[in-house]
Amino acid sequence: MQAEQLPAEIWLSIFTFFEGHELVRAFSCLNSFFDSLLRSPYLELYIRIKVNESNERLPASTWSYINRENIYSLTVGRRKANCLIQFLRWNAQYLTHLSSLSVHLRKLNIYYNIQFLIFALQQLPSLNRLRIKYTGKFDPRADSLQPLMRNIFNSRFTIQNYLFISNMMNYTMKTSAWSINPFLKYLYIEDICFNNLFSFLSFTPQLHSLRSAVRASFNVPHQSIILNHLEKVNLNLRWPRFAQLQMLKEIMPNLKSFRLRGRLEADDEDYFKENLWYKLLDNIKYFHVNLHHSAYYEARKTIFKNRFQNFNGKSWFRYEETQRSVNIYIKFQSVTSQ
């Protein structure tokens, strides 16, 4: 059987696994059958933007085969971060079927790039997944992301499925200009403190799923938040206090799936009170807890030995000594795992 004898639908499905430029290089100019597939309105394209595609005129050699309306996913490498912003500046109006966008922002020209990005987001009617990675250091004297965050957290920003925001640990948020986003359902934040996490959650009442790497805060202000729709939480812990986990659980009355992994705060006695764990995990159908902490210095290792050796009889606790460290592990798992 010749390749051309396979149904066009199969080829169009195969093509979705290729990056757009690679697809054109591999299948253009072979024959009229493949040229017609590349120009088909039913072709779905994943595109990674290149340096020479950041201006108004696109390279004819490749883009004569690429219909911008066929692009469903758009991204760029970190080193070419500004290229994607410029591409969106000139082409957002044509990306009518774009559903996934991954953007890198740098500190250089951050104000203008954010303005271009906001303008582009307002022209993407099909977008439902947005990933934003800020690669610069936050200036504590200025909220560089404020215009973008104000645009995302308002009632007109209709992305529902995913919002990825990265490296938010040292971000000094000023939320006075934010408003509730009634559409956001899935939120992933790579690195954030509990204080800022609660601020995010106060603007996402329809949230269904939360995934985040969370660090401790000195305090978490009381927030009258109840997230009735939040059913799935996956957290990578970085030494938060147990009380902060309890506060989080209190605002999620209908939680069904709860995953905790990462590093616990060994100086917090509440982590080692079995009754508090049962209370935290109560009424959750699926839960998986896998936390650890290690001591490397001699004084700290001695403290661990004196404190935790007697915990070894507990099913949820494990104590381990190696040549380099003393390690402790806490594990809980529901009978039925998700």
C-alpha atoms as a PDB file:
ATOM      1  CA  MET A   1       0.000   0.000   0.000  1.00  0.00           C
ATOM      2  CA  GLN A   2       1.275   3.461  -0.909  1.00  0.00           C
ATOM      3  CA  ALA A   3       1.240   6.263   1.663  1.00  0.00           C
ATOM      4  CA  GLU A   4      -1.265   8.212  -0.408  1.00  0.00           C
ATOM      5  CA  GLN A   5      -3.773   5.372  -0.084  1.00  0.00           C
ATOM      6  CA  LEU A   6      -4.185   5.941   3.662  1.00  0.00           C
ATOM      7  CA  PRO A   7      -7.236   8.075   4.461  1.00  0.00           C
ATOM      8  CA  ALA A   8      -6.529  11.786   4.841  1.00  0.00           C
ATOM      9  CA  GLU A   9      -7.978  11.670   8.377  1.00  0.00           C
ATOM     10  CA  ILE A  10      -5.207   9.292   9.476  1.00  0.00           C
ATOM     11  CA  TRP A  11      -2.506  11.507   8.050  1.00  0.00           C
ATOM     12  CA  LEU A  12      -4.013  14.597   9.691  1.00  0.00           C
ATOM     13  CA  SER A  13      -3.974  12.751  13.006  1.00  0.00           C
ATOM     14  CA  ILE A  14      -0.320  11.722  12.492  1.00  0.00           C
ATOM     15  CA  PHE A  15       0.634  15.298  11.640  1.00  0.00           C
ATOM     16  CA  THR A  16      -0.500  16.565  15.048  1.00  0.00           C
ATOM     17  CA  PHE A  17       2.562  14.847  16.583  1.00  0.00           C
ATOM     18  CA  PHE A  18       4.964  16.965  14.487  1.00  0.00           C
ATOM     19  CA  GLU A  19       6.091  20.498  15.248  1.00  0.00           C
ATOM     20  CA  GLY A  20       4.858  22.673  12.368  1.00  0.00           C
ATOM     21  CA  HIS A  21       8.246  23.557  10.868  1.00  0.00           C
ATOM     22  CA  GLU A  22       9.390  19.937  11.019  1.00  0.00           C
ATOM     23  CA  LEU A  23       6.144  18.865   9.374  1.00  0.00           C
ATOM     24  CA  VAL A  24       6.625  21.257   6.467  1.00  0.00           C
ATOM     25  CA  ARG A  25      10.270  20.226   5.990  1.00  0.00           C
ATOM     26  CA  ALA A  26       9.336  16.525   6.008  1.00  0.00           C
ATOM     27  CA  PHE A  27       6.225  16.513   3.804  1.00  0.00           C
ATOM     28  CA  SER A  28       6.145  19.618   1.607  1.00  0.00           C
ATOM     29  CA  CYS A  29       6.975  19.355  -2.088  1.00  0.00           C
ATOM     30  CA  LEU A  30       6.610  15.561  -2.097  1.00  0.00           C
ATOM     31  CA  ASN A  31       3.496  15.490  -4.229  1.00  0.00           C
ATOM     32  CA  SER A  32       0.096  17.136  -4.577  1.00  0.00           C
ATOM     33  CA  PHE A  33      -1.500  14.777  -2.016  1.00  0.00           C
ATOM     34  CA  PHE A  34       0.756  15.878   0.847  1.00  0.00           C
ATOM     35  CA  ASP A  35       0.705  19.518  -0.242  1.00  0.00           C
ATOM     36  CA  SER A  36      -3.089  19.442  -0.050  1.00  0.00           C
ATOM     37  CA  LEU A  37      -2.929  17.926   3.450  1.00  0.00           C
ATOM     38  CA  LEU A  38      -0.560  20.650   4.645  1.00  0.00           C
ATOM     39  CA  ARG A  39      -3.003  23.285   3.387  1.00  0.00           C
ATOM     40  CA  SER A  40      -6.097  21.504   4.707  1.00  0.00           C
ATOM     41  CA  PRO A  41      -8.365  23.609   6.960  1.00  0.00           C
ATOM     42  CA  TYR A  42      -8.701  20.508   9.186  1.00  0.00           C
ATOM     43  CA  LEU A  43      -4.969  20.295   9.946  1.00  0.00           C
ATOM     44  CA  GLU A  44      -4.083  21.086  13.594  1.00  0.00           C
ATOM     45  CA  LEU A  45      -0.622  22.556  14.081  1.00  0.00           C
ATOM     46  CA  TYR A  46       1.729  22.886  17.024  1.00  0.00           C
ATOM     47  CA  ILE A  47       4.213  25.703  16.334  1.00  0.00           C
ATOM     48  CA  ARG A  48       7.446  26.742  18.057  1.00  0.00           C
ATOM     49  CA  ILE A  49       8.325  30.283  17.011  1.00  0.00           C
ATOM     50  CA  LYS A  50      11.809  31.085  15.692  1.00  0.00           C
ATOM     51  CA  VAL A  51      13.879  34.264  15.638  1.00  0.00           C
ATOM     52  CA  ASN A  52      13.116  35.151  12.036  1.00  0.00           C
ATOM     53  CA  GLU A  53       9.374  34.894  12.651  1.00  0.00           C
ATOM     54  CA  SER A  54       9.135  37.764  15.122  1.00  0.00           C
ATOM     55  CA  ASN A  55       8.321  40.523  12.639  1.00  0.00           C
ATOM     56  CA  GLU A  56       5.374  41.421  10.460  1.00  0.00           C
ATOM     57  CA  ARG A  57       6.571  39.506   7.392  1.00  0.00           C
ATOM     58  CA  LEU A  58       6.815  35.743   7.845  1.00  0.00           C
ATOM     59  CA  PRO A  59       9.338  33.605   5.900  1.00  0.00           C
ATOM     60  CA  ALA A  60       7.625  32.512   2.699  1.00  0.00           C
ATOM     61  CA  SER A  61       9.500  29.221   2.443  1.00  0.00           C
ATOM     62  CA  THR A  62       7.754  27.708   5.469  1.00  0.00           C
ATOM     63  CA  TRP A  63       4.695  29.837   6.061  1.00  0.00           C
ATOM     64  CA  SER A  64       3.349  29.386   2.547  1.00  0.00           C
ATOM     65  CA  TYR A  65       2.270  25.950   3.874  1.00  0.00           C
ATOM     66  CA  ILE A  66       1.170  27.084   7.357  1.00  0.00           C
ATOM     67  CA  ASN A  67      -2.298  28.485   7.821  1.00  0.00           C
ATOM     68  CA  ARG A  68      -2.263  30.547  11.024  1.00  0.00           C
ATOM     69  CA  GLU A  69      -5.896  29.623  11.652  1.00  0.00           C
ATOM     70  CA  ASN A  70      -4.788  25.966  11.931  1.00  0.00           C
ATOM     71  CA  ILE A  71      -2.442  26.622  14.873  1.00  0.00           C
ATOM     72  CA  TYR A  72      -3.815  25.130  18.097  1.00  0.00           C
ATOM     73  CA  SER A  73      -0.632  25.312  20.223  1.00  0.00           C
ATOM     74  CA  LEU A  74       2.060  27.980  20.267  1.00  0.00           C
ATOM     75  CA  THR A  75       5.297  28.137  22.245  1.00  0.00           C
ATOM     76  CA  VAL A  76       8.913  29.281  22.110  1.00  0.00           C
ATOM     77  CA  GLY A  77      12.224  28.495  23.795  1.00  0.00           C
ATOM     78  CA  ARG A  78      13.453  30.631  26.695  1.00  0.00           C
ATOM     79  CA  ARG A  79      16.310  32.165  24.701  1.00  0.00           C
ATOM     80  CA  LYS A  80      13.865  33.444  22.104  1.00  0.00           C
ATOM     81  CA  ALA A  81      11.312  34.689  24.639  1.00  0.00           C
ATOM     82  CA  ASN A  82      10.742  38.069  23.012  1.00  0.00           C
ATOM     83  CA  CYS A  83      10.246  36.507  19.577  1.00  0.00           C
ATOM     84  CA  LEU A  84       6.919  34.974  20.554  1.00  0.00           C
ATOM     85  CA  ILE A  85       5.672  38.256  21.998  1.00  0.00           C
ATOM     86  CA  GLN A  86       6.491  40.000  18.733  1.00  0.00           C
ATOM     87  CA  PHE A  87       4.883  37.202  16.728  1.00  0.00           C
ATOM     88  CA  LEU A  88       1.690  37.651  18.742  1.00  0.00           C
ATOM     89  CA  ARG A  89       1.872  41.389  18.195  1.00  0.00           C
ATOM     90  CA  TRP A  90       1.596  40.926  14.432  1.00  0.00           C
ATOM     91  CA  ASN A  91      -0.422  37.713  14.165  1.00  0.00           C
ATOM     92  CA  ALA A  92      -2.796  37.331  17.136  1.00  0.00           C
ATOM     93  CA  GLN A  93      -5.778  38.414  15.057  1.00  0.00           C
ATOM     94  CA  TYR A  94      -5.274  35.423  12.726  1.00  0.00           C
ATOM     95  CA  LEU A  95      -4.909  32.776  15.478  1.00  0.00           C
ATOM     96  CA  THR A  96      -8.615  32.102  15.723  1.00  0.00           C
ATOM     97  CA  HIS A  97      -8.237  28.437  16.766  1.00  0.00           C
ATOM     98  CA  LEU A  98      -5.304  28.784  19.141  1.00  0.00           C
ATOM     99  CA  SER A  99      -6.163  26.881  22.333  1.00  0.00           C
ATOM    100  CA  SER A 100      -2.764  26.605  24.083  1.00  0.00           C
ATOM    101  CA  LEU A 101      -0.160  29.335  24.533  1.00  0.00           C
ATOM    102  CA  SER A 102       3.162  29.123  26.400  1.00  0.00           C
ATOM    103  CA  VAL A 103       4.952  32.425  26.992  1.00  0.00           C
ATOM    104  CA  HIS A 104       8.309  33.322  28.543  1.00  0.00           C
ATOM    105  CA  LEU A 105       8.703  36.850  29.898  1.00  0.00           C
ATOM    106  CA  ARG A 106      12.039  38.487  30.619  1.00  0.00           C
ATOM    107  CA  LYS A 107      12.763  41.499  32.775  1.00  0.00           C
ATOM    108  CA  LEU A 108      14.162  43.344  29.751  1.00  0.00           C
ATOM    109  CA  ASN A 109      11.377  45.378  28.115  1.00  0.00           C
ATOM    110  CA  ILE A 110       8.893  43.750  30.499  1.00  0.00           C
ATOM    111  CA  TYR A 111       6.433  46.673  30.450  1.00  0.00           C
ATOM    112  CA  TYR A 112       6.093  46.774  26.647  1.00  0.00           C
ATOM    113  CA  ASN A 113       6.036  42.985  26.286  1.00  0.00           C
ATOM    114  CA  ILE A 114       3.235  42.706  28.819  1.00  0.00           C
ATOM    115  CA  GLN A 115       1.233  45.334  26.955  1.00  0.00           C
ATOM    116  CA  PHE A 116       1.697  43.394  23.694  1.00  0.00           C
ATOM    117  CA  LEU A 117       0.720  40.153  25.455  1.00  0.00           C
ATOM    118  CA  ILE A 118      -2.437  41.661  26.951  1.00  0.00           C
ATOM    119  CA  PHE A 119      -3.422  43.021  23.547  1.00  0.00           C
ATOM    120  CA  ALA A 120      -2.872  39.568  22.016  1.00  0.00           C
ATOM    121  CA  LEU A 121      -4.870  37.744  24.706  1.00  0.00           C
ATOM    122  CA  GLN A 122      -7.855  39.932  23.940  1.00  0.00           C
ATOM    123  CA  GLN A 123      -7.793  38.670  20.330  1.00  0.00           C
ATOM    124  CA  LEU A 124      -7.610  34.909  20.974  1.00  0.00           C
ATOM    125  CA  PRO A 125     -11.216  33.659  21.195  1.00  0.00           C
ATOM    126  CA  SER A 126     -10.384  29.934  21.463  1.00  0.00           C
ATOM    127  CA  LEU A 127      -7.581  30.128  24.044  1.00  0.00           C
ATOM    128  CA  ASN A 128      -8.200  27.874  27.050  1.00  0.00           C
ATOM    129  CA  ARG A 129      -4.685  27.084  28.278  1.00  0.00           C
ATOM    130  CA  LEU A 130      -2.108  29.704  29.153  1.00  0.00           C
ATOM    131  CA  ARG A 131       1.362  29.135  30.584  1.00  0.00           C
ATOM    132  CA  ILE A 132       3.381  32.158  31.663  1.00  0.00           C
ATOM    133  CA  LYS A 133       6.964  31.835  32.889  1.00  0.00           C
ATOM    134  CA  TYR A 134       8.746  34.913  34.150  1.00  0.00           C
ATOM    135  CA  THR A 135      12.517  34.396  33.906  1.00  0.00           C
ATOM    136  CA  GLY A 136      13.702  37.571  35.621  1.00  0.00           C
ATOM    137  CA  LYS A 137      14.042  38.587  39.250  1.00  0.00           C
ATOM    138  CA  PHE A 138      11.171  40.445  40.841  1.00  0.00           C
ATOM    139  CA  ASP A 139      11.831  44.010  41.913  1.00  0.00           C
ATOM    140  CA  PRO A 140      10.372  44.469  45.431  1.00  0.00           C
ATOM    141  CA  ARG A 141       9.840  48.168  44.675  1.00  0.00           C
ATOM    142  CA  ALA A 142       7.610  47.589  41.639  1.00  0.00           C
ATOM    143  CA  ASP A 143       4.943  45.106  40.597  1.00  0.00           C
ATOM    144  CA  SER A 144       6.037  44.470  37.011  1.00  0.00           C
ATOM    145  CA  LEU A 145       3.298  41.929  36.383  1.00  0.00           C
ATOM    146  CA  GLN A 146       0.462  44.060  37.747  1.00  0.00           C
ATOM    147  CA  PRO A 147      -1.097  44.960  34.347  1.00  0.00           C
ATOM    148  CA  LEU A 148      -1.067  41.306  33.281  1.00  0.00           C
ATOM    149  CA  MET A 149      -2.425  39.992  36.581  1.00  0.00           C
ATOM    150  CA  ARG A 150      -5.137  42.639  36.554  1.00  0.00           C
ATOM    151  CA  ASN A 151      -6.119  41.454  33.081  1.00  0.00           C
ATOM    152  CA  ILE A 152      -6.162  37.772  34.069  1.00  0.00           C
ATOM    153  CA  PHE A 153      -8.078  38.273  37.288  1.00  0.00           C
ATOM    154  CA  ASN A 154     -11.189  39.974  36.051  1.00  0.00           C
ATOM    155  CA  SER A 155     -14.608  38.867  34.926  1.00  0.00           C
ATOM    156  CA  ARG A 156     -13.806  39.204  31.212  1.00  0.00           C
ATOM    157  CA  PHE A 157     -10.840  36.827  31.062  1.00  0.00           C
ATOM    158  CA  THR A 158     -12.522  33.614  29.908  1.00  0.00           C
ATOM    159  CA  ILE A 159      -9.728  31.003  29.924  1.00  0.00           C
ATOM    160  CA  GLN A 160     -11.180  28.039  31.791  1.00  0.00           C
ATOM    161  CA  ASN A 161      -8.945  25.023  31.639  1.00  0.00           C
ATOM    162  CA  TYR A 162      -5.420  25.937  32.700  1.00  0.00           C
ATOM    163  CA  LEU A 163      -3.476  28.931  33.867  1.00  0.00           C
ATOM    164  CA  PHE A 164       0.202  28.248  34.482  1.00  0.00           C
ATOM    165  CA  ILE A 165       2.160  30.883  36.362  1.00  0.00           C
ATOM    166  CA  SER A 166       5.763  30.135  37.299  1.00  0.00           C
ATOM    167  CA  ASN A 167       8.305  31.418  39.817  1.00  0.00           C
ATOM    168  CA  MET A 168       5.928  33.429  42.006  1.00  0.00           C
ATOM    169  CA  MET A 169       7.829  32.896  45.268  1.00  0.00           C
ATOM    170  CA  ASN A 170       9.348  36.388  45.518  1.00  0.00           C
ATOM    171  CA  TYR A 171       6.503  38.181  43.805  1.00  0.00           C
ATOM    172  CA  THR A 172       5.093  40.980  45.957  1.00  0.00           C
ATOM    173  CA  MET A 173       1.473  40.884  44.899  1.00  0.00           C
ATOM    174  CA  LYS A 174      -0.715  43.953  44.947  1.00  0.00           C
ATOM    175  CA  THR A 175      -4.239  42.666  44.484  1.00  0.00           C
ATOM    176  CA  SER A 176      -6.245  45.849  45.070  1.00  0.00           C
ATOM    177  CA  ALA A 177      -6.892  46.206  41.328  1.00  0.00           C
ATOM    178  CA  TRP A 178      -7.783  42.521  40.790  1.00  0.00           C
ATOM    179  CA  SER A 179     -11.326  41.235  40.565  1.00  0.00           C
ATOM    180  CA  ILE A 180     -12.886  37.774  40.636  1.00  0.00           C
ATOM    181  CA  ASN A 181     -12.354  35.527  37.626  1.00  0.00           C
ATOM    182  CA  PRO A 182     -15.522  33.397  37.365  1.00  0.00           C
ATOM    183  CA  PHE A 183     -14.150  31.121  34.624  1.00  0.00           C
ATOM    184  CA  LEU A 184     -10.805  29.834  35.888  1.00  0.00           C
ATOM    185  CA  LYS A 185     -11.076  26.150  36.827  1.00  0.00           C
ATOM    186  CA  TYR A 186      -7.533  24.748  36.779  1.00  0.00           C
ATOM    187  CA  LEU A 187      -4.621  26.590  38.367  1.00  0.00           C
ATOM    188  CA  TYR A 188      -0.962  25.574  38.462  1.00  0.00           C
ATOM    189  CA  ILE A 189       1.618  27.760  40.210  1.00  0.00           C
ATOM    190  CA  GLU A 190       5.181  26.495  40.242  1.00  0.00           C
ATOM    191  CA  ASP A 191       6.525  28.226  43.345  1.00  0.00           C
ATOM    192  CA  ILE A 192       4.566  30.362  45.792  1.00  0.00           C
ATOM    193  CA  CYS A 193       4.261  31.024  49.508  1.00  0.00           C
ATOM    194  CA  PHE A 194       1.060  30.221  51.393  1.00  0.00           C
ATOM    195  CA  ASN A 195       0.245  33.878  51.906  1.00  0.00           C
ATOM    196  CA  ASN A 196       0.209  34.569  48.172  1.00  0.00           C
ATOM    197  CA  LEU A 197      -1.571  31.300  47.425  1.00  0.00           C
ATOM    198  CA  PHE A 198      -4.529  32.317  49.579  1.00  0.00           C
ATOM    199  CA  SER A 199      -4.638  35.639  47.758  1.00  0.00           C
ATOM    200  CA  PHE A 200      -4.869  33.815  44.425  1.00  0.00           C
ATOM    201  CA  LEU A 201      -7.597  31.521  45.692  1.00  0.00           C
ATOM    202  CA  SER A 202      -9.715  34.428  46.870  1.00  0.00           C
ATOM    203  CA  PHE A 203     -10.144  35.459  43.218  1.00  0.00           C
ATOM    204  CA  THR A 204     -10.964  31.998  41.809  1.00  0.00           C
ATOM    205  CA  PRO A 205     -14.336  30.884  43.246  1.00  0.00           C
ATOM    206  CA  GLN A 206     -14.962  28.341  40.455  1.00  0.00           C
ATOM    207  CA  LEU A 207     -11.624  26.557  40.821  1.00  0.00           C
ATOM    208  CA  HIS A 208     -11.834  22.753  40.364  1.00  0.00           C
ATOM    209  CA  SER A 209      -8.168  21.748  40.515  1.00  0.00           C
ATOM    210  CA  LEU A 210      -5.064  23.238  42.145  1.00  0.00           C
ATOM    211  CA  ARG A 211      -1.459  22.189  41.663  1.00  0.00           C
ATOM    212  CA  SER A 212       1.396  24.082  43.230  1.00  0.00           C
ATOM    213  CA  ALA A 213       4.777  24.048  44.936  1.00  0.00           C
ATOM    214  CA  VAL A 214       4.154  25.847  48.233  1.00  0.00           C
ATOM    215  CA  ARG A 215       6.524  27.366  50.768  1.00  0.00           C
ATOM    216  CA  ALA A 216       5.838  28.505  54.287  1.00  0.00           C
ATOM    217  CA  SER A 217       4.682  32.040  55.093  1.00  0.00           C
ATOM    218  CA  PHE A 218       5.295  33.811  58.370  1.00  0.00           C
ATOM    219  CA  ASN A 219       1.559  34.305  58.568  1.00  0.00           C
ATOM    220  CA  VAL A 220      -1.505  33.656  56.494  1.00  0.00           C
ATOM    221  CA  PRO A 221      -4.170  36.320  57.000  1.00  0.00           C
ATOM    222  CA  HIS A 222      -7.643  35.040  57.738  1.00  0.00           C
ATOM    223  CA  GLN A 223      -9.605  34.877  54.504  1.00  0.00           C
ATOM    224  CA  SER A 224     -13.316  34.146  54.376  1.00  0.00           C
ATOM    225  CA  ILE A 225     -12.978  31.864  51.335  1.00  0.00           C
ATOM    226  CA  ILE A 226     -15.046  28.800  50.614  1.00  0.00           C
ATOM    227  CA  LEU A 227     -14.143  26.969  47.386  1.00  0.00           C
ATOM    228  CA  ASN A 228     -17.064  24.597  46.936  1.00  0.00           C
ATOM    229  CA  HIS A 229     -15.929  23.439  43.487  1.00  0.00           C
ATOM    230  CA  LEU A 230     -12.335  22.621  44.407  1.00  0.00           C
ATOM    231  CA  GLU A 231     -12.101  18.822  44.335  1.00  0.00           C
ATOM    232  CA  LYS A 232      -8.491  18.061  43.449  1.00  0.00           C
ATOM    233  CA  VAL A 233      -5.324  19.448  45.092  1.00  0.00           C
ATOM    234  CA  ASN A 234      -1.748  18.403  44.367  1.00  0.00           C
ATOM    235  CA  LEU A 235       0.933  20.176  46.425  1.00  0.00           C
ATOM    236  CA  ASN A 236       4.713  19.945  46.504  1.00  0.00           C
ATOM    237  CA  LEU A 237       5.551  21.171  50.002  1.00  0.00           C
ATOM    238  CA  ARG A 238       8.671  23.131  50.888  1.00  0.00           C
ATOM    239  CA  TRP A 239       8.704  23.316  54.682  1.00  0.00           C
ATOM    240  CA  PRO A 240       5.290  24.873  55.401  1.00  0.00           C
ATOM    241  CA  ARG A 241       3.742  24.656  58.857  1.00  0.00           C
ATOM    242  CA  PHE A 242       1.090  22.013  59.442  1.00  0.00           C
ATOM    243  CA  ALA A 243      -1.389  24.698  60.492  1.00  0.00           C
ATOM    244  CA  GLN A 244      -1.192  26.145  56.987  1.00  0.00           C
ATOM    245  CA  LEU A 245      -2.293  22.802  55.543  1.00  0.00           C
ATOM    246  CA  GLN A 246      -5.175  22.785  58.002  1.00  0.00           C
ATOM    247  CA  MET A 247      -6.217  26.276  56.922  1.00  0.00           C
ATOM    248  CA  LEU A 248      -6.159  25.192  53.304  1.00  0.00           C
ATOM    249  CA  LYS A 249      -8.296  22.130  54.019  1.00  0.00           C
ATOM    250  CA  GLU A 250     -10.900  24.267  55.801  1.00  0.00           C
ATOM    251  CA  ILE A 251     -11.709  26.279  52.678  1.00  0.00           C
ATOM    252  CA  MET A 252     -12.224  23.144  50.536  1.00  0.00           C
ATOM    253  CA  PRO A 253     -15.312  21.370  51.956  1.00  0.00           C
ATOM    254  CA  ASN A 254     -15.798  19.116  48.918  1.00  0.00           C
ATOM    255  CA  LEU A 255     -12.207  18.008  48.372  1.00  0.00           C
ATOM    256  CA  LYS A 256     -12.024  14.500  46.844  1.00  0.00           C
ATOM    257  CA  SER A 257      -8.363  14.072  45.900  1.00  0.00           C
ATOM    258  CA  PHE A 258      -5.446  15.360  48.011  1.00  0.00           C
ATOM    259  CA  ARG A 259      -1.773  14.735  47.209  1.00  0.00           C
ATOM    260  CA  LEU A 260       1.093  16.016  49.339  1.00  0.00           C
ATOM    261  CA  ARG A 261       4.732  15.393  48.531  1.00  0.00           C
ATOM    262  CA  GLY A 262       8.005  17.173  49.238  1.00  0.00           C
ATOM    263  CA  ARG A 263       9.671  18.362  52.431  1.00  0.00           C
ATOM    264  CA  LEU A 264       8.008  18.754  55.790  1.00  0.00           C
ATOM    265  CA  GLU A 265       9.005  21.151  58.552  1.00  0.00           C
ATOM    266  CA  ALA A 266      10.574  18.798  61.101  1.00  0.00           C
ATOM    267  CA  ASP A 267      10.520  21.390  63.882  1.00  0.00           C
ATOM    268  CA  ASP A 268       6.726  21.555  63.695  1.00  0.00           C
ATOM    269  CA  GLU A 269       5.430  19.029  66.246  1.00  0.00           C
ATOM    270  CA  ASP A 270       2.007  18.861  64.578  1.00  0.00           C
ATOM    271  CA  TYR A 271       3.427  16.838  61.685  1.00  0.00           C
ATOM    272  CA  PHE A 272       4.011  13.968  64.109  1.00  0.00           C
ATOM    273  CA  LYS A 273       0.576  13.916  65.756  1.00  0.00           C
ATOM    274  CA  GLU A 274      -1.359  11.061  64.197  1.00  0.00           C
ATOM    275  CA  ASN A 275      -4.763  12.415  65.236  1.00  0.00           C
ATOM    276  CA  LEU A 276      -4.129  15.674  63.367  1.00  0.00           C
ATOM    277  CA  TRP A 277      -3.342  13.755  60.181  1.00  0.00           C
ATOM    278  CA  TYR A 278      -6.572  11.757  60.452  1.00  0.00           C
ATOM    279  CA  LYS A 279      -8.490  14.971  60.914  1.00  0.00           C
ATOM    280  CA  LEU A 280      -6.751  16.593  57.938  1.00  0.00           C
ATOM    281  CA  LEU A 281      -7.488  13.634  55.647  1.00  0.00           C
ATOM    282  CA  ASP A 282     -10.995  13.007  56.929  1.00  0.00           C
ATOM    283  CA  ASN A 283     -13.761  12.743  54.271  1.00  0.00           C
ATOM    284  CA  ILE A 284     -11.257  12.731  51.394  1.00  0.00           C
ATOM    285  CA  LYS A 285     -11.809   9.828  49.035  1.00  0.00           C
ATOM    286  CA  TYR A 286      -8.315   9.734  47.520  1.00  0.00           C
ATOM    287  CA  PHE A 287      -5.230  10.925  49.389  1.00  0.00           C
ATOM    288  CA  HIS A 288      -1.520  10.270  49.042  1.00  0.00           C
ATOM    289  CA  VAL A 289       1.030  11.799  51.421  1.00  0.00           C
ATOM    290  CA  ASN A 290       4.761  11.289  50.868  1.00  0.00           C
ATOM    291  CA  LEU A 291       6.860  13.770  52.857  1.00  0.00           C
ATOM    292  CA  HIS A 292      10.446  13.691  54.049  1.00  0.00           C
ATOM    293  CA  HIS A 293      13.120  15.674  55.814  1.00  0.00           C
ATOM    294  CA  SER A 294      16.871  15.036  56.114  1.00  0.00           C
ATOM    295  CA  ALA A 295      19.511  16.102  58.624  1.00  0.00           C
ATOM    296  CA  TYR A 296      23.149  16.359  57.472  1.00  0.00           C
ATOM    297  CA  TYR A 297      25.020  18.167  60.268  1.00  0.00           C
ATOM    298  CA  GLU A 298      26.064  16.167  63.338  1.00  0.00           C
ATOM    299  CA  ALA A 299      24.169  18.293  65.834  1.00  0.00           C
ATOM    300  CA  ARG A 300      21.012  18.090  63.760  1.00  0.00           C
ATOM    301  CA  LYS A 301      21.413  14.328  63.226  1.00  0.00           C
ATOM    302  CA  THR A 302      21.701  13.821  66.992  1.00  0.00           C
ATOM    303  CA  ILE A 303      18.477  15.751  67.521  1.00  0.00           C
ATOM    304  CA  PHE A 304      16.728  13.589  64.929  1.00  0.00           C
ATOM    305  CA  LYS A 305      17.973  10.372  66.556  1.00  0.00           C
ATOM    306  CA  ASN A 306      16.750  11.416  69.985  1.00  0.00           C
ATOM    307  CA  ARG A 307      13.425  12.637  68.665  1.00  0.00           C
ATOM    308  CA  PHE A 308      12.348  10.139  66.071  1.00  0.00           C
ATOM    309  CA  GLN A 309      13.842   6.710  66.718  1.00  0.00           C
ATOM    310  CA  ASN A 310      10.826   5.694  68.795  1.00  0.00           C
ATOM    311  CA  PHE A 311       8.403   6.614  65.976  1.00  0.00           C
ATOM    312  CA  ASN A 312       9.476   3.614  63.908  1.00  0.00           C
ATOM    313  CA  GLY A 313       6.641   1.447  65.183  1.00  0.00           C
ATOM    314  CA  LYS A 314       4.058   3.658  63.495  1.00  0.00           C
ATOM    315  CA  SER A 315       2.810   2.477  60.109  1.00  0.00           C
ATOM    316  CA  TRP A 316       2.873   5.991  58.656  1.00  0.00           C
ATOM    317  CA  PHE A 317       6.429   6.840  59.757  1.00  0.00           C
ATOM    318  CA  ARG A 318       9.879   5.645  58.691  1.00  0.00           C
ATOM    319  CA  TYR A 319      13.287   6.497  60.193  1.00  0.00           C
ATOM    320  CA  GLU A 320      16.513   5.905  58.246  1.00  0.00           C
ATOM    321  CA  GLU A 321      20.204   6.463  58.940  1.00  0.00           C
ATOM    322  CA  THR A 322      22.876   6.602  56.239  1.00  0.00           C
ATOM    323  CA  GLN A 323      26.551   7.590  56.296  1.00  0.00           C
ATOM    324  CA  ARG A 324      25.671  11.114  55.198  1.00  0.00           C
ATOM    325  CA  SER A 325      22.317  11.827  56.820  1.00  0.00           C
ATOM    326  CA  VAL A 326      19.429  10.918  59.060  1.00  0.00           C
ATOM    327  CA  ASN A 327      16.147  10.832  57.158  1.00  0.00           C
ATOM    328  CA  ILE A 328      12.524  10.748  58.249  1.00  0.00           C
ATOM    329  CA  TYR A 329       9.504   9.945  56.103  1.00  0.00           C
ATOM    330  CA  ILE A 330       5.765  10.377  56.606  1.00  0.00           C
ATOM    331  CA  LYS A 331       3.406   8.442  54.352  1.00  0.00           C
ATOM    332  CA  PHE A 332      -0.377   8.110  54.251  1.00  0.00           C
ATOM    333  CA  GLN A 333      -2.395   6.574  51.427  1.00  0.00           C
ATOM    334  CA  SER A 334      -6.061   5.894  50.953  1.00  0.00           C
ATOM    335  CA  VAL A 335      -7.175   2.328  50.327  1.00  0.00           C
ATOM    336  CA  THR A 336      -8.276   3.290  46.817  1.00  0.00           C
ATOM    337  CA  SER A 337      -5.745   5.508  45.038  1.00  0.00           C
ATOM    338  CA  GLN A 338      -6.511   7.772  42.119  1.00  0.00           C
END
